[in-house]
Amino acid sequence: PVLASLPVNVQAHGVDGNEAMLKLCKDNSPTLTTHKVPFEELGSFSGLGEFQHIFTVQALHEVDDETKLIVFDFAKKSLSENGAFYIWDRFQYDGKESKFLDDYKGLWDYITTETSSTLNQLSWEEYNQAYLEIKDDFASEEDNYIQMLDKSGFQAQVLHKLFNRSLIV
């Protein structure tokens, strides 16, 4: 949605180590210039100039904390003085004993009725149980991201949370 809504005269670059993700970005924004660079190599990647905004969407939970710091350092050195770094990603959530479980179920029901994907085949209970048992990646708590962003020189906070998805700016 972000890429598809960019004004025509905006210069945008997509950077990812995954060809399929770059293709998806290009499909959403045909004028996008793409660069295939694994996140681990961003420390030595340069030449794009300064940016007013940098977005990372649904990517950082796939990499370890060391690689996240490389991404954060790249963003810090690539942003203009008043630039903003936006992270929309999946985070750990309190899916076992939260006082918000009924709210999470309501959100899940809304999401699955509004989308046409394989998610529609899972009830909230099935999704939550599977998520808690089998998600084997590098999702962590928002506070961990805030601490790493602080280490990279950012002032960051969580601006929006939707059970296991959050926006950090």
Protein backbone atom coordinates (compact mmCIF):
# COMPACT_ATOMS: atom_id res chain seq x y z
CA PRO A 1 0.00 0.00 0.00
CA VAL A 2 2.79 2.49 0.76
CA LEU A 3 4.54 1.90 -2.55
CA ALA A 4 1.35 1.97 -4.57
CA SER A 5 0.39 5.35 -3.11
CA LEU A 6 3.67 7.14 -3.82
CA PRO A 7 3.41 10.28 -5.97
CA VAL A 8 4.80 9.84 -9.49
CA ASN A 9 7.66 12.30 -8.95
CA VAL A 10 9.03 10.56 -5.83
CA GLN A 11 12.33 8.76 -6.15
CA ALA A 12 12.05 5.43 -4.32
CA HIS A 13 14.49 2.55 -3.87
CA GLY A 14 13.75 -0.98 -2.75
CA VAL A 15 16.59 -2.81 -1.02
CA ASP A 16 16.30 -6.49 -0.11
CA GLY A 17 18.31 -9.67 -0.43
CA ASN A 18 15.29 -11.60 -1.67
CA GLU A 19 14.44 -11.43 -5.37
CA ALA A 20 10.79 -12.37 -4.74
CA MET A 21 10.35 -9.46 -2.31
CA LEU A 22 11.92 -7.04 -4.79
CA LYS A 23 9.55 -8.28 -7.49
CA LEU A 24 6.58 -7.77 -5.17
CA CYS A 25 7.75 -4.20 -4.50
CA LYS A 26 8.26 -3.55 -8.20
CA ASP A 27 4.77 -4.90 -8.95
CA ASN A 28 3.34 -2.37 -6.48
CA SER A 29 5.47 0.51 -7.73
CA PRO A 30 6.77 0.11 -11.30
CA THR A 31 9.01 3.21 -11.05
CA LEU A 32 10.82 1.78 -8.02
CA THR A 33 14.56 1.22 -8.44
CA THR A 34 15.54 -2.05 -6.80
CA HIS A 35 18.83 -3.21 -5.31
CA LYS A 36 19.45 -6.82 -4.36
CA VAL A 37 21.55 -6.52 -1.21
CA PRO A 38 21.31 -8.96 1.71
CA PHE A 39 20.69 -7.10 4.96
CA GLU A 40 23.96 -8.46 6.37
CA GLU A 41 25.82 -6.51 3.66
CA LEU A 42 24.11 -3.14 4.16
CA GLY A 43 27.08 -1.88 6.19
CA SER A 44 29.14 -1.68 3.01
CA PHE A 45 26.29 -0.61 0.71
CA SER A 46 26.23 3.08 -0.26
CA GLY A 47 25.73 5.46 -3.12
CA LEU A 48 21.98 6.04 -2.86
CA GLY A 49 22.25 9.41 -1.13
CA GLU A 50 20.06 10.67 1.69
CA PHE A 51 16.44 9.77 2.24
CA GLN A 52 13.58 11.53 3.99
CA HIS A 53 11.85 8.25 4.84
CA ILE A 54 12.93 4.63 5.16
CA PHE A 55 10.39 1.83 5.58
CA THR A 56 10.93 -1.77 6.56
CA VAL A 57 7.82 -3.92 6.34
CA GLN A 58 7.47 -7.49 7.59
CA ALA A 59 11.19 -8.21 7.17
CA LEU A 60 13.14 -7.77 10.40
CA HIS A 61 11.56 -10.69 12.27
CA GLU A 62 13.40 -12.87 9.73
CA VAL A 63 16.90 -11.74 10.81
CA ASP A 64 18.88 -11.96 14.05
CA ASP A 65 19.59 -8.98 16.31
CA GLU A 66 23.09 -8.46 14.89
CA THR A 67 21.60 -8.06 11.41
CA LYS A 68 18.84 -5.80 12.74
CA LEU A 69 21.58 -3.50 14.10
CA ILE A 70 23.21 -3.43 10.65
CA VAL A 71 19.86 -2.40 9.15
CA PHE A 72 19.33 0.26 11.85
CA ASP A 73 22.84 1.66 11.35
CA PHE A 74 22.28 1.76 7.57
CA ALA A 75 19.00 3.62 8.08
CA LYS A 76 20.60 6.10 10.47
CA LYS A 77 23.45 6.96 8.08
CA SER A 78 21.09 7.10 5.07
CA LEU A 79 18.43 9.42 6.51
CA SER A 80 18.45 13.19 6.15
CA GLU A 81 18.65 15.19 9.38
CA ASN A 82 14.88 15.24 9.89
CA GLY A 83 14.22 11.89 8.24
CA ALA A 84 12.04 9.15 9.71
CA PHE A 85 12.52 5.39 9.94
CA TYR A 86 9.32 3.29 9.98
CA ILE A 87 9.25 -0.34 11.08
CA TRP A 88 6.07 -2.37 10.57
CA ASP A 89 6.69 -5.92 11.66
CA ARG A 90 5.59 -8.92 13.65
CA PHE A 91 6.59 -9.00 17.30
CA GLN A 92 6.20 -11.39 20.19
CA TYR A 93 2.91 -10.94 21.93
CA ASP A 94 1.26 -12.16 25.09
CA GLY A 95 -0.85 -14.83 23.42
CA LYS A 96 -1.05 -17.24 26.36
CA GLU A 97 -2.57 -15.27 29.21
CA SER A 98 -3.26 -11.75 28.04
CA LYS A 99 -6.23 -9.81 29.30
CA PHE A 100 -6.63 -8.84 25.63
CA LEU A 101 -7.20 -12.36 24.23
CA ASP A 102 -10.87 -11.59 23.50
CA ASP A 103 -9.78 -8.43 21.67
CA TYR A 104 -7.13 -10.40 19.73
CA LYS A 105 -9.81 -12.90 18.71
CA GLY A 106 -12.03 -10.06 17.51
CA LEU A 107 -9.18 -8.59 15.47
CA TRP A 108 -8.39 -12.00 14.03
CA ASP A 109 -12.02 -12.52 13.04
CA TYR A 110 -12.04 -9.10 11.34
CA ILE A 111 -8.75 -9.71 9.52
CA THR A 112 -9.76 -13.13 8.24
CA THR A 113 -13.14 -11.97 6.97
CA GLU A 114 -11.54 -9.03 5.14
CA THR A 115 -8.83 -11.05 3.35
CA SER A 116 -8.81 -13.92 0.93
CA SER A 117 -5.90 -16.05 2.01
CA THR A 118 -5.09 -19.31 3.71
CA LEU A 119 -5.50 -17.46 7.01
CA ASN A 120 -9.25 -17.68 6.51
CA GLN A 121 -8.99 -21.42 7.08
CA LEU A 122 -7.78 -21.02 10.67
CA SER A 123 -9.83 -20.11 13.70
CA TRP A 124 -8.29 -17.70 16.20
CA GLU A 125 -7.62 -20.56 18.59
CA GLU A 126 -5.83 -22.59 15.87
CA TYR A 127 -3.76 -19.61 14.75
CA ASN A 128 -2.78 -18.56 18.26
CA GLN A 129 -1.81 -22.09 19.29
CA ALA A 130 0.19 -22.69 16.11
CA TYR A 131 1.84 -19.30 16.39
CA LEU A 132 2.93 -19.92 19.95
CA GLU A 133 4.24 -23.40 19.13
CA ILE A 134 5.86 -23.23 15.69
CA LYS A 135 6.98 -19.70 14.86
CA ASP A 136 10.71 -20.21 14.56
CA ASP A 137 12.20 -16.88 13.60
CA PHE A 138 13.70 -13.81 15.24
CA ALA A 139 10.60 -11.91 16.34
CA SER A 140 11.18 -10.21 19.66
CA GLU A 141 9.46 -7.69 21.90
CA GLU A 142 9.08 -4.08 20.83
CA ASP A 143 11.26 -2.96 23.76
CA ASN A 144 14.19 -4.91 22.29
CA TYR A 145 13.83 -2.95 19.04
CA ILE A 146 13.60 0.36 20.92
CA GLN A 147 16.84 -0.43 22.77
CA MET A 148 18.64 -1.38 19.54
CA LEU A 149 17.33 1.72 17.76
CA ASP A 150 18.56 3.84 20.67
CA LYS A 151 21.98 2.18 20.33
CA SER A 152 21.96 3.19 16.64
CA GLY A 153 21.18 6.82 17.51
CA PHE A 154 17.42 6.91 17.00
CA GLN A 155 14.69 8.18 19.28
CA ALA A 156 11.92 5.66 18.70
CA GLN A 157 8.58 4.60 20.06
CA VAL A 158 5.74 2.22 19.30
CA LEU A 159 2.98 4.25 17.62
CA HIS A 160 0.53 1.46 16.78
CA LYS A 161 -0.02 -2.13 17.89
CA LEU A 162 -2.36 -4.74 16.44
CA PHE A 163 -1.85 -7.85 18.58
CA ASN A 164 1.36 -9.28 17.03
CA ARG A 165 2.03 -6.42 14.58
CA SER A 166 3.43 -3.04 15.58
CA LEU A 167 4.54 0.19 14.00
CA ILE A 168 7.72 1.70 15.44
CA VAL A 169 8.87 5.13 14.27
